[in-house]
């Protein structure tokens, strides 16, 4: 642990660097904090912070900037991290103005988060580890061709064409869909496979089809995402030169950003902060990630995250991600008619 004076100096460096994006000289700390110590003492404390790895100097004659370790200490000592009540009320009002569609909610959450923190915001579609069938429909198209319409829990709709060995009328398709819906509703892929039902060849074909659809859904990860705020991040001083901006754009274009930033097995609803080289993938070790899960435990969960430079307004970002995650959790709970986790 740092002494109170060292902590105050470190917080001054972090705060000034986040605000101005330029190395912080000792004189700025003297002006920022009315510490009853001499400038020489301030410089000695800064030298100690540098020696212990909390700050670094880009050049011998330059001021100081926080290291990943310095940012980590700063984040761990933040307190009273809550979004102002006026902003909470505004966010709640905006969500009540959009249609009750999950895609609309996710898009709005990404836009609001990006605007509030001035960095990239990403929101994934909530999904379960093992999807459950809610309803099945079969729609005759022509001859032996039909459309399988699968409604999964969480208001997800999946469709696929199926070709039978012979033409089947719409009334017979409806009767088949009703029978299979009654038998499989609320079940996962594994439980449907385990059911021993007496099925006709056509019913067996439909069952195989829906199992394949559900398997693809279970294996899909972070496919559906809403992203906003890339322009905010690219306008940060860190991205105006060099390869950082291009790398970030390539990750976004390749739709691989969420797979890289989400910690393996991440399941916490608490806001988590990953700073710089704490990220396991080298491509994003110049960035910080603020991330949280939202939704219903064991039912459907998604991820809300912010990606930006390590020079990030952490308090603001943590409070925004935390509040928007709670809003999305409540909305998902309304879809399922349950209490949010």
C-alpha atoms as a PDB file:
ATOM      1  CA  UNK A   1       0.000   0.000   0.000  1.00  0.00           C
ATOM      2  CA  UNK A   2       1.127   3.536  -0.711  1.00  0.00           C
ATOM      3  CA  UNK A   3       1.289   6.247   1.898  1.00  0.00           C
ATOM      4  CA  UNK A   4      -1.494   8.831   1.873  1.00  0.00           C
ATOM      5  CA  UNK A   5       0.840  11.371   0.298  1.00  0.00           C
ATOM      6  CA  UNK A   6       2.088   9.011  -2.412  1.00  0.00           C
ATOM      7  CA  UNK A   7      -1.499   7.977  -3.152  1.00  0.00           C
ATOM      8  CA  UNK A   8      -2.571  11.614  -3.479  1.00  0.00           C
ATOM      9  CA  UNK A   9       0.299  12.315  -5.870  1.00  0.00           C
ATOM     10  CA  UNK A  10      -0.466   9.219  -7.953  1.00  0.00           C
ATOM     11  CA  UNK A  11      -4.154  10.146  -8.166  1.00  0.00           C
ATOM     12  CA  UNK A  12      -3.172  13.636  -9.270  1.00  0.00           C
ATOM     13  CA  UNK A  13      -0.977  12.224 -12.040  1.00  0.00           C
ATOM     14  CA  UNK A  14      -3.658   9.797 -13.198  1.00  0.00           C
ATOM     15  CA  UNK A  15      -6.415  12.411 -13.113  1.00  0.00           C
ATOM     16  CA  UNK A  16      -4.404  15.027 -14.979  1.00  0.00           C
ATOM     17  CA  UNK A  17      -3.150  12.575 -17.578  1.00  0.00           C
ATOM     18  CA  UNK A  18      -6.655  11.231 -18.233  1.00  0.00           C
ATOM     19  CA  UNK A  19      -7.929  14.786 -18.682  1.00  0.00           C
ATOM     20  CA  UNK A  20      -5.093  16.224 -20.794  1.00  0.00           C
ATOM     21  CA  UNK A  21      -3.215  13.315 -22.400  1.00  0.00           C
ATOM     22  CA  UNK A  22       0.168  14.944 -21.754  1.00  0.00           C
ATOM     23  CA  UNK A  23       2.889  13.888 -19.257  1.00  0.00           C
ATOM     24  CA  UNK A  24       2.409  15.514 -15.843  1.00  0.00           C
ATOM     25  CA  UNK A  25       5.319  17.578 -14.427  1.00  0.00           C
ATOM     26  CA  UNK A  26       5.885  18.000 -10.700  1.00  0.00           C
ATOM     27  CA  UNK A  27       4.781  21.651 -10.817  1.00  0.00           C
ATOM     28  CA  UNK A  28       1.319  20.578 -12.017  1.00  0.00           C
ATOM     29  CA  UNK A  29       0.992  18.320  -8.982  1.00  0.00           C
ATOM     30  CA  UNK A  30       1.980  21.160  -6.683  1.00  0.00           C
ATOM     31  CA  UNK A  31      -0.684  23.326  -8.318  1.00  0.00           C
ATOM     32  CA  UNK A  32      -3.261  20.519  -8.279  1.00  0.00           C
ATOM     33  CA  UNK A  33      -2.865  19.492  -4.658  1.00  0.00           C
ATOM     34  CA  UNK A  34      -2.258  21.883  -1.792  1.00  0.00           C
ATOM     35  CA  UNK A  35       0.156  19.524  -0.101  1.00  0.00           C
ATOM     36  CA  UNK A  36       2.056  21.018   2.826  1.00  0.00           C
ATOM     37  CA  UNK A  37       5.386  19.786   1.478  1.00  0.00           C
ATOM     38  CA  UNK A  38       8.172  21.272  -0.599  1.00  0.00           C
ATOM     39  CA  UNK A  39       8.544  20.796  -4.373  1.00  0.00           C
ATOM     40  CA  UNK A  40      11.644  18.711  -3.611  1.00  0.00           C
ATOM     41  CA  UNK A  41       9.530  16.329  -1.521  1.00  0.00           C
ATOM     42  CA  UNK A  42       7.010  16.026  -4.375  1.00  0.00           C
ATOM     43  CA  UNK A  43       9.816  15.164  -6.778  1.00  0.00           C
ATOM     44  CA  UNK A  44      11.211  12.575  -4.335  1.00  0.00           C
ATOM     45  CA  UNK A  45       7.789  10.957  -4.009  1.00  0.00           C
ATOM     46  CA  UNK A  46       7.440  10.871  -7.797  1.00  0.00           C
ATOM     47  CA  UNK A  47      10.879   9.258  -8.083  1.00  0.00           C
ATOM     48  CA  UNK A  48       9.763   6.592  -5.598  1.00  0.00           C
ATOM     49  CA  UNK A  49       6.521   5.991  -7.544  1.00  0.00           C
ATOM     50  CA  UNK A  50       8.570   5.594 -10.715  1.00  0.00           C
ATOM     51  CA  UNK A  51      10.997   3.213  -9.036  1.00  0.00           C
ATOM     52  CA  UNK A  52       8.097   1.068  -7.793  1.00  0.00           C
ATOM     53  CA  UNK A  53       6.519   0.964 -11.260  1.00  0.00           C
ATOM     54  CA  UNK A  54       3.405   3.107 -10.696  1.00  0.00           C
ATOM     55  CA  UNK A  55       4.447   5.826 -13.131  1.00  0.00           C
ATOM     56  CA  UNK A  56       6.845   6.120 -16.052  1.00  0.00           C
ATOM     57  CA  UNK A  57       8.549   8.997 -17.865  1.00  0.00           C
ATOM     58  CA  UNK A  58       8.481   8.794 -21.668  1.00  0.00           C
ATOM     59  CA  UNK A  59      11.699  10.861 -21.769  1.00  0.00           C
ATOM     60  CA  UNK A  60      14.214  11.784 -19.037  1.00  0.00           C
ATOM     61  CA  UNK A  61      13.189  15.434 -19.125  1.00  0.00           C
ATOM     62  CA  UNK A  62       9.454  14.773 -19.540  1.00  0.00           C
ATOM     63  CA  UNK A  63       6.756  14.657 -16.922  1.00  0.00           C
ATOM     64  CA  UNK A  64       5.200  11.406 -15.712  1.00  0.00           C
ATOM     65  CA  UNK A  65       2.392   9.206 -16.985  1.00  0.00           C
ATOM     66  CA  UNK A  66       0.690   6.297 -15.194  1.00  0.00           C
ATOM     67  CA  UNK A  67       1.755   2.725 -15.896  1.00  0.00           C
ATOM     68  CA  UNK A  68      -0.697  -0.178 -15.973  1.00  0.00           C
ATOM     69  CA  UNK A  69       0.190  -0.744 -12.310  1.00  0.00           C
ATOM     70  CA  UNK A  70      -0.579   2.892 -11.532  1.00  0.00           C
ATOM     71  CA  UNK A  71      -3.953   2.705 -13.264  1.00  0.00           C
ATOM     72  CA  UNK A  72      -4.722  -0.520 -11.405  1.00  0.00           C
ATOM     73  CA  UNK A  73      -4.003   1.098  -8.038  1.00  0.00           C
ATOM     74  CA  UNK A  74      -6.130   4.082  -9.039  1.00  0.00           C
ATOM     75  CA  UNK A  75      -9.084   1.873 -10.046  1.00  0.00           C
ATOM     76  CA  UNK A  76      -8.888  -0.187  -6.850  1.00  0.00           C
ATOM     77  CA  UNK A  77      -9.099   2.975  -4.730  1.00  0.00           C
ATOM     78  CA  UNK A  78     -12.104   4.496  -6.515  1.00  0.00           C
ATOM     79  CA  UNK A  79     -15.179   4.881  -4.327  1.00  0.00           C
ATOM     80  CA  UNK A  80     -18.775   6.072  -4.695  1.00  0.00           C
ATOM     81  CA  UNK A  81     -18.825   5.055  -8.364  1.00  0.00           C
ATOM     82  CA  UNK A  82     -22.399   5.776  -9.378  1.00  0.00           C
ATOM     83  CA  UNK A  83     -23.870   7.481 -12.379  1.00  0.00           C
ATOM     84  CA  UNK A  84     -25.545  10.792 -11.411  1.00  0.00           C
ATOM     85  CA  UNK A  85     -29.260  10.392 -10.733  1.00  0.00           C
ATOM     86  CA  UNK A  86     -30.213  12.857 -13.484  1.00  0.00           C
ATOM     87  CA  UNK A  87     -28.384  10.715 -16.060  1.00  0.00           C
ATOM     88  CA  UNK A  88     -29.975   7.543 -14.706  1.00  0.00           C
ATOM     89  CA  UNK A  89     -33.429   9.068 -15.135  1.00  0.00           C
ATOM     90  CA  UNK A  90     -32.602  10.261 -18.653  1.00  0.00           C
ATOM     91  CA  UNK A  91     -31.377   6.793 -19.656  1.00  0.00           C
ATOM     92  CA  UNK A  92     -34.486   5.142 -18.211  1.00  0.00           C
ATOM     93  CA  UNK A  93     -36.689   7.606 -20.105  1.00  0.00           C
ATOM     94  CA  UNK A  94     -34.920   6.900 -23.400  1.00  0.00           C
ATOM     95  CA  UNK A  95     -35.390   3.157 -23.041  1.00  0.00           C
ATOM     96  CA  UNK A  96     -39.107   3.671 -22.529  1.00  0.00           C
ATOM     97  CA  UNK A  97     -39.267   5.631 -25.791  1.00  0.00           C
ATOM     98  CA  UNK A  98     -38.056   2.780 -28.035  1.00  0.00           C
ATOM     99  CA  UNK A  99     -40.015  -0.256 -29.182  1.00  0.00           C
ATOM    100  CA  UNK A 100     -40.046  -3.316 -26.965  1.00  0.00           C
ATOM    101  CA  UNK A 101     -37.590  -5.128 -29.227  1.00  0.00           C
ATOM    102  CA  UNK A 102     -34.384  -6.681 -27.922  1.00  0.00           C
ATOM    103  CA  UNK A 103     -32.351  -5.426 -30.892  1.00  0.00           C
ATOM    104  CA  UNK A 104     -33.592  -1.875 -30.248  1.00  0.00           C
ATOM    105  CA  UNK A 105     -32.580  -2.097 -26.593  1.00  0.00           C
ATOM    106  CA  UNK A 106     -29.074  -3.348 -27.421  1.00  0.00           C
ATOM    107  CA  UNK A 107     -28.533  -0.689 -30.069  1.00  0.00           C
ATOM    108  CA  UNK A 108     -29.656   2.055 -27.688  1.00  0.00           C
ATOM    109  CA  UNK A 109     -27.471   0.676 -24.877  1.00  0.00           C
ATOM    110  CA  UNK A 110     -24.398   0.718 -27.136  1.00  0.00           C
ATOM    111  CA  UNK A 111     -25.131   4.260 -28.342  1.00  0.00           C
ATOM    112  CA  UNK A 112     -25.770   5.676 -24.865  1.00  0.00           C
ATOM    113  CA  UNK A 113     -22.715   3.982 -23.369  1.00  0.00           C
ATOM    114  CA  UNK A 114     -20.452   5.236 -26.170  1.00  0.00           C
ATOM    115  CA  UNK A 115     -21.746   8.777 -25.828  1.00  0.00           C
ATOM    116  CA  UNK A 116     -21.361   8.819 -22.052  1.00  0.00           C
ATOM    117  CA  UNK A 117     -17.794   7.446 -21.966  1.00  0.00           C
ATOM    118  CA  UNK A 118     -16.513   8.645 -25.372  1.00  0.00           C
ATOM    119  CA  UNK A 119     -15.130   5.225 -26.311  1.00  0.00           C
ATOM    120  CA  UNK A 120     -16.156   2.065 -28.147  1.00  0.00           C
ATOM    121  CA  UNK A 121     -19.142   0.309 -26.569  1.00  0.00           C
ATOM    122  CA  UNK A 122     -20.181  -3.260 -27.458  1.00  0.00           C
ATOM    123  CA  UNK A 123     -23.314  -5.117 -26.379  1.00  0.00           C
ATOM    124  CA  UNK A 124     -23.918  -8.767 -27.204  1.00  0.00           C
ATOM    125  CA  UNK A 125     -27.279 -10.449 -27.630  1.00  0.00           C
ATOM    126  CA  UNK A 126     -28.279 -12.367 -24.492  1.00  0.00           C
ATOM    127  CA  UNK A 127     -28.146 -16.128 -24.906  1.00  0.00           C
ATOM    128  CA  UNK A 128     -28.126 -19.262 -22.814  1.00  0.00           C
ATOM    129  CA  UNK A 129     -25.420 -21.888 -22.747  1.00  0.00           C
ATOM    130  CA  UNK A 130     -28.088 -24.358 -23.872  1.00  0.00           C
ATOM    131  CA  UNK A 131     -30.982 -22.824 -25.783  1.00  0.00           C
ATOM    132  CA  UNK A 132     -34.528 -24.015 -25.159  1.00  0.00           C
ATOM    133  CA  UNK A 133     -37.310 -24.534 -27.655  1.00  0.00           C
ATOM    134  CA  UNK A 134     -40.402 -22.439 -27.084  1.00  0.00           C
ATOM    135  CA  UNK A 135     -42.479 -23.053 -30.198  1.00  0.00           C
ATOM    136  CA  UNK A 136     -42.260 -24.694 -33.629  1.00  0.00           C
ATOM    137  CA  UNK A 137     -44.103 -23.855 -36.826  1.00  0.00           C
ATOM    138  CA  UNK A 138     -44.048 -25.454 -40.285  1.00  0.00           C
ATOM    139  CA  UNK A 139     -45.100 -23.403 -43.302  1.00  0.00           C
ATOM    140  CA  UNK A 140     -45.807 -25.020 -46.708  1.00  0.00           C
ATOM    141  CA  UNK A 141     -44.039 -23.237 -49.571  1.00  0.00           C
ATOM    142  CA  UNK A 142     -44.387 -25.414 -52.679  1.00  0.00           C
ATOM    143  CA  UNK A 143     -44.568 -29.124 -53.431  1.00  0.00           C
ATOM    144  CA  UNK A 144     -42.457 -30.874 -50.794  1.00  0.00           C
ATOM    145  CA  UNK A 145     -40.641 -27.706 -49.643  1.00  0.00           C
ATOM    146  CA  UNK A 146     -41.501 -26.164 -46.269  1.00  0.00           C
ATOM    147  CA  UNK A 147     -40.115 -23.584 -43.861  1.00  0.00           C
ATOM    148  CA  UNK A 148     -39.178 -24.593 -40.322  1.00  0.00           C
ATOM    149  CA  UNK A 149     -39.741 -21.669 -37.946  1.00  0.00           C
ATOM    150  CA  UNK A 150     -38.147 -22.148 -34.537  1.00  0.00           C
ATOM    151  CA  UNK A 151     -38.937 -19.806 -31.639  1.00  0.00           C
ATOM    152  CA  UNK A 152     -36.395 -20.115 -28.834  1.00  0.00           C
ATOM    153  CA  UNK A 153     -36.622 -18.749 -25.311  1.00  0.00           C
ATOM    154  CA  UNK A 154     -35.408 -15.187 -25.147  1.00  0.00           C
ATOM    155  CA  UNK A 155     -37.452 -14.052 -28.166  1.00  0.00           C
ATOM    156  CA  UNK A 156     -35.026 -15.543 -30.687  1.00  0.00           C
ATOM    157  CA  UNK A 157     -36.374 -16.664 -34.046  1.00  0.00           C
ATOM    158  CA  UNK A 158     -34.575 -19.090 -36.349  1.00  0.00           C
ATOM    159  CA  UNK A 159     -35.697 -20.361 -39.770  1.00  0.00           C
ATOM    160  CA  UNK A 160     -34.570 -23.066 -42.163  1.00  0.00           C
ATOM    161  CA  UNK A 161     -35.905 -24.705 -45.299  1.00  0.00           C
ATOM    162  CA  UNK A 162     -36.699 -28.404 -45.298  1.00  0.00           C
ATOM    163  CA  UNK A 163     -37.525 -30.734 -48.192  1.00  0.00           C
ATOM    164  CA  UNK A 164     -39.698 -33.790 -47.534  1.00  0.00           C
ATOM    165  CA  UNK A 165     -39.785 -36.951 -49.633  1.00  0.00           C
ATOM    166  CA  UNK A 166     -43.326 -36.097 -50.690  1.00  0.00           C
ATOM    167  CA  UNK A 167     -45.684 -33.125 -50.650  1.00  0.00           C
ATOM    168  CA  UNK A 168     -47.386 -32.468 -47.290  1.00  0.00           C
ATOM    169  CA  UNK A 169     -50.431 -30.221 -46.997  1.00  0.00           C
ATOM    170  CA  UNK A 170     -50.455 -27.210 -44.686  1.00  0.00           C
ATOM    171  CA  UNK A 171     -53.033 -28.768 -42.301  1.00  0.00           C
ATOM    172  CA  UNK A 172     -50.796 -31.837 -41.879  1.00  0.00           C
ATOM    173  CA  UNK A 173     -47.729 -29.626 -41.370  1.00  0.00           C
ATOM    174  CA  UNK A 174     -49.598 -27.649 -38.706  1.00  0.00           C
ATOM    175  CA  UNK A 175     -50.664 -30.834 -36.936  1.00  0.00           C
ATOM    176  CA  UNK A 176     -47.063 -32.103 -37.040  1.00  0.00           C
ATOM    177  CA  UNK A 177     -45.721 -28.797 -35.668  1.00  0.00           C
ATOM    178  CA  UNK A 178     -48.292 -28.779 -32.866  1.00  0.00           C
ATOM    179  CA  UNK A 179     -47.380 -32.337 -31.861  1.00  0.00           C
ATOM    180  CA  UNK A 180     -43.639 -31.645 -31.795  1.00  0.00           C
ATOM    181  CA  UNK A 181     -44.096 -28.288 -30.036  1.00  0.00           C
ATOM    182  CA  UNK A 182     -46.104 -29.950 -27.287  1.00  0.00           C
ATOM    183  CA  UNK A 183     -43.468 -32.666 -26.909  1.00  0.00           C
ATOM    184  CA  UNK A 184     -40.375 -30.452 -27.011  1.00  0.00           C
ATOM    185  CA  UNK A 185     -41.419 -27.088 -25.594  1.00  0.00           C
ATOM    186  CA  UNK A 186     -39.092 -25.904 -22.827  1.00  0.00           C
ATOM    187  CA  UNK A 187     -36.455 -28.554 -23.598  1.00  0.00           C
ATOM    188  CA  UNK A 188     -32.802 -28.187 -24.524  1.00  0.00           C
ATOM    189  CA  UNK A 189     -31.173 -29.967 -27.446  1.00  0.00           C
ATOM    190  CA  UNK A 190     -29.851 -32.722 -25.163  1.00  0.00           C
ATOM    191  CA  UNK A 191     -33.266 -33.350 -23.619  1.00  0.00           C
ATOM    192  CA  UNK A 192     -34.978 -33.434 -27.005  1.00  0.00           C
ATOM    193  CA  UNK A 193     -32.423 -35.994 -28.240  1.00  0.00           C
ATOM    194  CA  UNK A 194     -33.055 -38.114 -25.154  1.00  0.00           C
ATOM    195  CA  UNK A 195     -36.844 -38.224 -25.600  1.00  0.00           C
ATOM    196  CA  UNK A 196     -38.173 -41.524 -26.901  1.00  0.00           C
ATOM    197  CA  UNK A 197     -41.126 -40.640 -29.065  1.00  0.00           C
ATOM    198  CA  UNK A 198     -42.847 -42.598 -31.777  1.00  0.00           C
ATOM    199  CA  UNK A 199     -42.275 -40.439 -34.829  1.00  0.00           C
ATOM    200  CA  UNK A 200     -43.183 -40.716 -38.484  1.00  0.00           C
ATOM    201  CA  UNK A 201     -40.343 -40.324 -41.014  1.00  0.00           C
ATOM    202  CA  UNK A 202     -41.393 -36.712 -41.659  1.00  0.00           C
ATOM    203  CA  UNK A 203     -41.553 -35.942 -37.920  1.00  0.00           C
ATOM    204  CA  UNK A 204     -38.117 -37.502 -37.472  1.00  0.00           C
ATOM    205  CA  UNK A 205     -36.796 -35.314 -40.291  1.00  0.00           C
ATOM    206  CA  UNK A 206     -38.208 -32.166 -38.660  1.00  0.00           C
ATOM    207  CA  UNK A 207     -36.756 -33.187 -35.294  1.00  0.00           C
ATOM    208  CA  UNK A 208     -33.315 -33.680 -36.834  1.00  0.00           C
ATOM    209  CA  UNK A 209     -33.611 -30.272 -38.478  1.00  0.00           C
ATOM    210  CA  UNK A 210     -34.506 -28.426 -35.290  1.00  0.00           C
ATOM    211  CA  UNK A 211     -31.714 -30.225 -33.402  1.00  0.00           C
ATOM    212  CA  UNK A 212     -29.194 -28.961 -35.968  1.00  0.00           C
ATOM    213  CA  UNK A 213     -30.545 -25.413 -35.653  1.00  0.00           C
ATOM    214  CA  UNK A 214     -30.302 -25.588 -31.861  1.00  0.00           C
ATOM    215  CA  UNK A 215     -26.784 -27.039 -32.028  1.00  0.00           C
ATOM    216  CA  UNK A 216     -25.651 -24.140 -34.204  1.00  0.00           C
ATOM    217  CA  UNK A 217     -27.253 -21.711 -31.763  1.00  0.00           C
ATOM    218  CA  UNK A 218     -25.535 -23.319 -28.759  1.00  0.00           C
ATOM    219  CA  UNK A 219     -22.157 -23.220 -30.487  1.00  0.00           C
ATOM    220  CA  UNK A 220     -22.540 -19.619 -31.618  1.00  0.00           C
ATOM    221  CA  UNK A 221     -20.704 -17.082 -29.469  1.00  0.00           C
ATOM    222  CA  UNK A 222     -20.956 -13.296 -29.680  1.00  0.00           C
ATOM    223  CA  UNK A 223     -22.454 -13.431 -33.176  1.00  0.00           C
ATOM    224  CA  UNK A 224     -25.028 -10.717 -32.654  1.00  0.00           C
ATOM    225  CA  UNK A 225     -23.521  -7.518 -31.293  1.00  0.00           C
ATOM    226  CA  UNK A 226     -24.336  -3.836 -31.279  1.00  0.00           C
ATOM    227  CA  UNK A 227     -21.292  -1.571 -31.491  1.00  0.00           C
ATOM    228  CA  UNK A 228     -21.016   2.196 -31.331  1.00  0.00           C
ATOM    229  CA  UNK A 229     -18.438   4.869 -30.561  1.00  0.00           C
ATOM    230  CA  UNK A 230     -15.507   3.749 -32.713  1.00  0.00           C
ATOM    231  CA  UNK A 231     -15.098   7.344 -33.879  1.00  0.00           C
ATOM    232  CA  UNK A 232     -14.779   8.521 -30.278  1.00  0.00           C
ATOM    233  CA  UNK A 233     -11.866   6.179 -29.614  1.00  0.00           C
ATOM    234  CA  UNK A 234     -10.127   6.881 -32.912  1.00  0.00           C
ATOM    235  CA  UNK A 235     -10.224  10.598 -32.094  1.00  0.00           C
ATOM    236  CA  UNK A 236      -8.252  10.058 -28.877  1.00  0.00           C
ATOM    237  CA  UNK A 237      -4.651  11.379 -29.035  1.00  0.00           C
ATOM    238  CA  UNK A 238      -3.242   7.850 -28.690  1.00  0.00           C
ATOM    239  CA  UNK A 239      -4.785   6.801 -32.023  1.00  0.00           C
ATOM    240  CA  UNK A 240      -3.870   9.735 -34.238  1.00  0.00           C
ATOM    241  CA  UNK A 241      -0.500   8.245 -35.116  1.00  0.00           C
ATOM    242  CA  UNK A 242       0.927   4.751 -35.415  1.00  0.00           C
ATOM    243  CA  UNK A 243      -0.896   1.451 -35.823  1.00  0.00           C
ATOM    244  CA  UNK A 244      -3.231   1.464 -32.827  1.00  0.00           C
ATOM    245  CA  UNK A 245      -6.226   2.846 -34.679  1.00  0.00           C
ATOM    246  CA  UNK A 246      -5.775   0.498 -37.618  1.00  0.00           C
ATOM    247  CA  UNK A 247      -5.500  -2.527 -35.341  1.00  0.00           C
ATOM    248  CA  UNK A 248      -8.719  -1.580 -33.567  1.00  0.00           C
ATOM    249  CA  UNK A 249     -10.544  -1.053 -36.863  1.00  0.00           C
ATOM    250  CA  UNK A 250      -9.365  -4.449 -38.127  1.00  0.00           C
ATOM    251  CA  UNK A 251     -10.657  -6.137 -34.970  1.00  0.00           C
ATOM    252  CA  UNK A 252     -14.020  -4.423 -35.390  1.00  0.00           C
ATOM    253  CA  UNK A 253     -14.261  -5.210 -39.112  1.00  0.00           C
ATOM    254  CA  UNK A 254     -13.327  -8.830 -38.477  1.00  0.00           C
ATOM    255  CA  UNK A 255     -15.980  -9.131 -35.757  1.00  0.00           C
ATOM    256  CA  UNK A 256     -13.377 -10.614 -33.446  1.00  0.00           C
ATOM    257  CA  UNK A 257     -13.175  -7.841 -30.859  1.00  0.00           C
ATOM    258  CA  UNK A 258     -15.633  -9.327 -28.372  1.00  0.00           C
ATOM    259  CA  UNK A 259     -14.079 -12.786 -28.542  1.00  0.00           C
ATOM    260  CA  UNK A 260     -10.710 -11.217 -27.697  1.00  0.00           C
ATOM    261  CA  UNK A 261     -11.745  -8.882 -24.889  1.00  0.00           C
ATOM    262  CA  UNK A 262     -14.104 -11.181 -22.962  1.00  0.00           C
ATOM    263  CA  UNK A 263     -12.191 -13.121 -20.273  1.00  0.00           C
ATOM    264  CA  UNK A 264     -12.443 -16.892 -20.627  1.00  0.00           C
ATOM    265  CA  UNK A 265     -15.392 -18.210 -18.658  1.00  0.00           C
ATOM    266  CA  UNK A 266     -16.501 -14.682 -17.784  1.00  0.00           C
ATOM    267  CA  UNK A 267     -19.772 -14.965 -15.872  1.00  0.00           C
ATOM    268  CA  UNK A 268     -19.721 -12.181 -13.302  1.00  0.00           C
ATOM    269  CA  UNK A 269     -22.415  -9.515 -13.149  1.00  0.00           C
ATOM    270  CA  UNK A 270     -19.911  -7.300 -11.342  1.00  0.00           C
ATOM    271  CA  UNK A 271     -18.110  -4.732 -13.464  1.00  0.00           C
ATOM    272  CA  UNK A 272     -14.591  -5.937 -14.251  1.00  0.00           C
ATOM    273  CA  UNK A 273     -11.706  -3.736 -15.396  1.00  0.00           C
ATOM    274  CA  UNK A 274      -8.849  -5.189 -17.461  1.00  0.00           C
ATOM    275  CA  UNK A 275      -5.963  -2.778 -17.940  1.00  0.00           C
ATOM    276  CA  UNK A 276      -3.330  -2.851 -20.668  1.00  0.00           C
ATOM    277  CA  UNK A 277      -1.119  -5.914 -20.424  1.00  0.00           C
ATOM    278  CA  UNK A 278      -3.622  -7.609 -18.103  1.00  0.00           C
ATOM    279  CA  UNK A 279      -5.327  -8.471 -21.414  1.00  0.00           C
ATOM    280  CA  UNK A 280      -4.132 -11.881 -22.564  1.00  0.00           C
ATOM    281  CA  UNK A 281      -4.161 -11.055 -26.276  1.00  0.00           C
ATOM    282  CA  UNK A 282      -1.236  -8.938 -27.471  1.00  0.00           C
ATOM    283  CA  UNK A 283      -3.395  -7.064 -29.997  1.00  0.00           C
ATOM    284  CA  UNK A 284      -5.283  -5.223 -27.247  1.00  0.00           C
ATOM    285  CA  UNK A 285      -2.571  -4.755 -24.642  1.00  0.00           C
ATOM    286  CA  UNK A 286      -2.548  -1.015 -25.370  1.00  0.00           C
ATOM    287  CA  UNK A 287      -6.203  -0.847 -24.356  1.00  0.00           C
ATOM    288  CA  UNK A 288      -8.333  -1.129 -21.259  1.00  0.00           C
ATOM    289  CA  UNK A 289     -11.606  -3.035 -21.126  1.00  0.00           C
ATOM    290  CA  UNK A 290     -14.502  -2.388 -18.754  1.00  0.00           C
ATOM    291  CA  UNK A 291     -16.944  -5.279 -18.954  1.00  0.00           C
ATOM    292  CA  UNK A 292     -20.011  -6.717 -17.237  1.00  0.00           C
ATOM    293  CA  UNK A 293     -22.578  -9.421 -17.825  1.00  0.00           C
ATOM    294  CA  UNK A 294     -26.283  -8.599 -17.806  1.00  0.00           C
ATOM    295  CA  UNK A 295     -29.431 -10.696 -17.921  1.00  0.00           C
ATOM    296  CA  UNK A 296     -30.772 -13.662 -15.988  1.00  0.00           C
ATOM    297  CA  UNK A 297     -28.500 -16.221 -14.372  1.00  0.00           C
ATOM    298  CA  UNK A 298     -29.115 -19.623 -15.931  1.00  0.00           C
ATOM    299  CA  UNK A 299     -31.592 -18.213 -18.457  1.00  0.00           C
ATOM    300  CA  UNK A 300     -30.109 -15.645 -20.814  1.00  0.00           C
ATOM    301  CA  UNK A 301     -27.078 -13.425 -20.394  1.00  0.00           C
ATOM    302  CA  UNK A 302     -25.199 -10.982 -22.591  1.00  0.00           C
ATOM    303  CA  UNK A 303     -22.150  -8.755 -22.209  1.00  0.00           C
ATOM    304  CA  UNK A 304     -21.817  -4.995 -22.128  1.00  0.00           C
ATOM    305  CA  UNK A 305     -18.281  -3.680 -22.511  1.00  0.00           C
ATOM    306  CA  UNK A 306     -16.246  -0.575 -23.252  1.00  0.00           C
ATOM    307  CA  UNK A 307     -12.871  -0.589 -25.016  1.00  0.00           C
ATOM    308  CA  UNK A 308     -10.560   2.391 -25.017  1.00  0.00           C
ATOM    309  CA  UNK A 309      -7.009   3.519 -24.315  1.00  0.00           C
ATOM    310  CA  UNK A 310      -5.552   2.838 -20.877  1.00  0.00           C
ATOM    311  CA  UNK A 311      -5.917   6.596 -20.395  1.00  0.00           C
ATOM    312  CA  UNK A 312      -9.618   6.076 -19.760  1.00  0.00           C
ATOM    313  CA  UNK A 313     -12.007   7.919 -17.386  1.00  0.00           C
ATOM    314  CA  UNK A 314     -12.382   4.814 -15.229  1.00  0.00           C
ATOM    315  CA  UNK A 315     -14.861   6.125 -12.677  1.00  0.00           C
ATOM    316  CA  UNK A 316     -17.201   7.395 -15.363  1.00  0.00           C
ATOM    317  CA  UNK A 317     -16.854   4.217 -17.425  1.00  0.00           C
ATOM    318  CA  UNK A 318     -17.361   1.818 -14.503  1.00  0.00           C
ATOM    319  CA  UNK A 319     -20.493   3.653 -13.334  1.00  0.00           C
ATOM    320  CA  UNK A 320     -21.929   3.770 -16.868  1.00  0.00           C
ATOM    321  CA  UNK A 321     -21.321   0.094 -17.611  1.00  0.00           C
ATOM    322  CA  UNK A 322     -22.718  -0.870 -14.214  1.00  0.00           C
ATOM    323  CA  UNK A 323     -25.899   1.136 -14.604  1.00  0.00           C
ATOM    324  CA  UNK A 324     -26.600   0.184 -18.230  1.00  0.00           C
ATOM    325  CA  UNK A 325     -26.039  -3.487 -17.331  1.00  0.00           C
ATOM    326  CA  UNK A 326     -28.664  -3.219 -14.600  1.00  0.00           C
ATOM    327  CA  UNK A 327     -31.116  -1.592 -17.024  1.00  0.00           C
ATOM    328  CA  UNK A 328     -30.600  -4.358 -19.593  1.00  0.00           C
ATOM    329  CA  UNK A 329     -30.961  -7.018 -16.887  1.00  0.00           C
ATOM    330  CA  UNK A 330     -34.346  -5.587 -15.944  1.00  0.00           C
ATOM    331  CA  UNK A 331     -35.489  -5.489 -19.568  1.00  0.00           C
ATOM    332  CA  UNK A 332     -34.408  -9.094 -20.189  1.00  0.00           C
ATOM    333  CA  UNK A 333     -36.223 -10.106 -17.006  1.00  0.00           C
ATOM    334  CA  UNK A 334     -39.399  -8.548 -18.398  1.00  0.00           C
ATOM    335  CA  UNK A 335     -39.042 -10.706 -21.513  1.00  0.00           C
ATOM    336  CA  UNK A 336     -38.820 -13.822 -19.349  1.00  0.00           C
ATOM    337  CA  UNK A 337     -41.255 -12.672 -16.676  1.00  0.00           C
ATOM    338  CA  UNK A 338     -38.705 -13.224 -13.928  1.00  0.00           C
ATOM    339  CA  UNK A 339     -36.574 -11.273 -11.474  1.00  0.00           C
ATOM    340  CA  UNK A 340     -33.187 -10.136 -12.789  1.00  0.00           C
ATOM    341  CA  UNK A 341     -30.018 -11.689 -11.397  1.00  0.00           C
END
